[in-house]
Amino acid sequence: MMNLEWRILLTIGIGMLIGSGVAFYWGYQLKTVGDSFSHIWILALGFAWVGSDVIQKAITKRSNNSK
């Protein structure tokens, strides 16, 4: 991964978590009308996973820089 500043990584991670919430909501809306929705929820899980990983890396990078 590129060597980005921890603030940028944190912003990207939070954006991915927000995207995950939007995708979960979209999947729920598809579920209520009876359309296929499972692929949208897989997308949301992927966004949540990547967002959490990027946030963890940002926090680690910040704690290493403060020493």
C-alpha atoms as a PDB file:
ATOM      1  CA  MET A   1       0.000   0.000   0.000  1.00  0.00           C
ATOM      2  CA  MET A   2       1.139   3.514  -0.671  1.00  0.00           C
ATOM      3  CA  ASN A   3       2.745   5.356   2.215  1.00  0.00           C
ATOM      4  CA  LEU A   4      -0.032   7.849   2.961  1.00  0.00           C
ATOM      5  CA  GLU A   5      -0.316  10.097   5.980  1.00  0.00           C
ATOM      6  CA  TRP A   6      -2.430   8.653   8.781  1.00  0.00           C
ATOM      7  CA  ARG A   7      -5.078  11.391   8.467  1.00  0.00           C
ATOM      8  CA  ILE A   8      -5.692  10.495   4.831  1.00  0.00           C
ATOM      9  CA  LEU A   9      -5.922   6.803   5.711  1.00  0.00           C
ATOM     10  CA  LEU A  10      -8.382   7.579   8.490  1.00  0.00           C
ATOM     11  CA  THR A  11     -10.541   9.625   6.114  1.00  0.00           C
ATOM     12  CA  ILE A  12     -10.524   6.824   3.533  1.00  0.00           C
ATOM     13  CA  GLY A  13     -11.435   4.259   6.198  1.00  0.00           C
ATOM     14  CA  ILE A  14     -14.321   6.317   7.538  1.00  0.00           C
ATOM     15  CA  GLY A  15     -15.542   6.855   3.980  1.00  0.00           C
ATOM     16  CA  MET A  16     -15.489   3.106   3.394  1.00  0.00           C
ATOM     17  CA  LEU A  17     -17.507   2.496   6.568  1.00  0.00           C
ATOM     18  CA  ILE A  18     -20.056   5.092   5.466  1.00  0.00           C
ATOM     19  CA  GLY A  19     -20.167   3.377   2.069  1.00  0.00           C
ATOM     20  CA  SER A  20     -20.796   0.114   3.865  1.00  0.00           C
ATOM     21  CA  GLY A  21     -23.769   1.611   5.669  1.00  0.00           C
ATOM     22  CA  VAL A  22     -25.172   2.950   2.401  1.00  0.00           C
ATOM     23  CA  ALA A  23     -24.754  -0.451   0.734  1.00  0.00           C
ATOM     24  CA  PHE A  24     -26.458  -2.237   3.652  1.00  0.00           C
ATOM     25  CA  TYR A  25     -29.370   0.205   3.416  1.00  0.00           C
ATOM     26  CA  TRP A  26     -29.567  -0.302  -0.352  1.00  0.00           C
ATOM     27  CA  GLY A  27     -29.573  -4.081   0.120  1.00  0.00           C
ATOM     28  CA  TYR A  28     -32.306  -3.804   2.735  1.00  0.00           C
ATOM     29  CA  GLN A  29     -34.423  -1.717   0.369  1.00  0.00           C
ATOM     30  CA  LEU A  30     -33.981  -4.358  -2.338  1.00  0.00           C
ATOM     31  CA  LYS A  31     -34.961  -7.053   0.171  1.00  0.00           C
ATOM     32  CA  THR A  32     -38.186  -5.278   1.119  1.00  0.00           C
ATOM     33  CA  VAL A  33     -39.357  -5.081  -2.505  1.00  0.00           C
ATOM     34  CA  GLY A  34     -38.406  -8.708  -3.166  1.00  0.00           C
ATOM     35  CA  ASP A  35     -35.424  -8.193  -5.482  1.00  0.00           C
ATOM     36  CA  SER A  36     -32.086 -10.001  -5.278  1.00  0.00           C
ATOM     37  CA  PHE A  37     -30.047  -8.331  -2.547  1.00  0.00           C
ATOM     38  CA  SER A  38     -27.338 -10.703  -1.313  1.00  0.00           C
ATOM     39  CA  HIS A  39     -24.656  -9.423  -3.701  1.00  0.00           C
ATOM     40  CA  ILE A  40     -25.171  -5.890  -2.348  1.00  0.00           C
ATOM     41  CA  TRP A  41     -24.711  -7.127   1.217  1.00  0.00           C
ATOM     42  CA  ILE A  42     -21.483  -8.876   0.191  1.00  0.00           C
ATOM     43  CA  LEU A  43     -20.315  -5.542  -1.236  1.00  0.00           C
ATOM     44  CA  ALA A  44     -21.227  -3.868   2.066  1.00  0.00           C
ATOM     45  CA  LEU A  45     -19.277  -6.475   4.037  1.00  0.00           C
ATOM     46  CA  GLY A  46     -16.272  -5.876   1.796  1.00  0.00           C
ATOM     47  CA  PHE A  47     -16.481  -2.130   2.363  1.00  0.00           C
ATOM     48  CA  ALA A  48     -16.737  -2.672   6.130  1.00  0.00           C
ATOM     49  CA  TRP A  49     -13.763  -5.049   6.142  1.00  0.00           C
ATOM     50  CA  VAL A  50     -11.520  -2.756   4.101  1.00  0.00           C
ATOM     51  CA  GLY A  51     -12.629   0.335   6.032  1.00  0.00           C
ATOM     52  CA  SER A  52     -11.846  -1.312   9.356  1.00  0.00           C
ATOM     53  CA  ASP A  53      -8.453  -2.470   8.098  1.00  0.00           C
ATOM     54  CA  VAL A  54      -7.513   0.983   6.809  1.00  0.00           C
ATOM     55  CA  ILE A  55      -8.607   2.635  10.068  1.00  0.00           C
ATOM     56  CA  GLN A  56      -6.511   0.136  12.033  1.00  0.00           C
ATOM     57  CA  LYS A  57      -3.481   0.915   9.854  1.00  0.00           C
ATOM     58  CA  ALA A  58      -4.035   4.665  10.314  1.00  0.00           C
ATOM     59  CA  ILE A  59      -4.166   4.318  14.096  1.00  0.00           C
ATOM     60  CA  THR A  60      -1.035   2.151  14.095  1.00  0.00           C
ATOM     61  CA  LYS A  61       0.801   4.625  11.887  1.00  0.00           C
ATOM     62  CA  ARG A  62      -0.213   7.529  14.157  1.00  0.00           C
ATOM     63  CA  SER A  63       0.961   5.741  17.287  1.00  0.00           C
ATOM     64  CA  ASN A  64       4.285   4.854  15.632  1.00  0.00           C
ATOM     65  CA  ASN A  65       4.829   8.464  14.509  1.00  0.00           C
ATOM     66  CA  SER A  66       4.174   9.887  17.979  1.00  0.00           C
ATOM     67  CA  LYS A  67       7.090   7.972  19.526  1.00  0.00           C
END
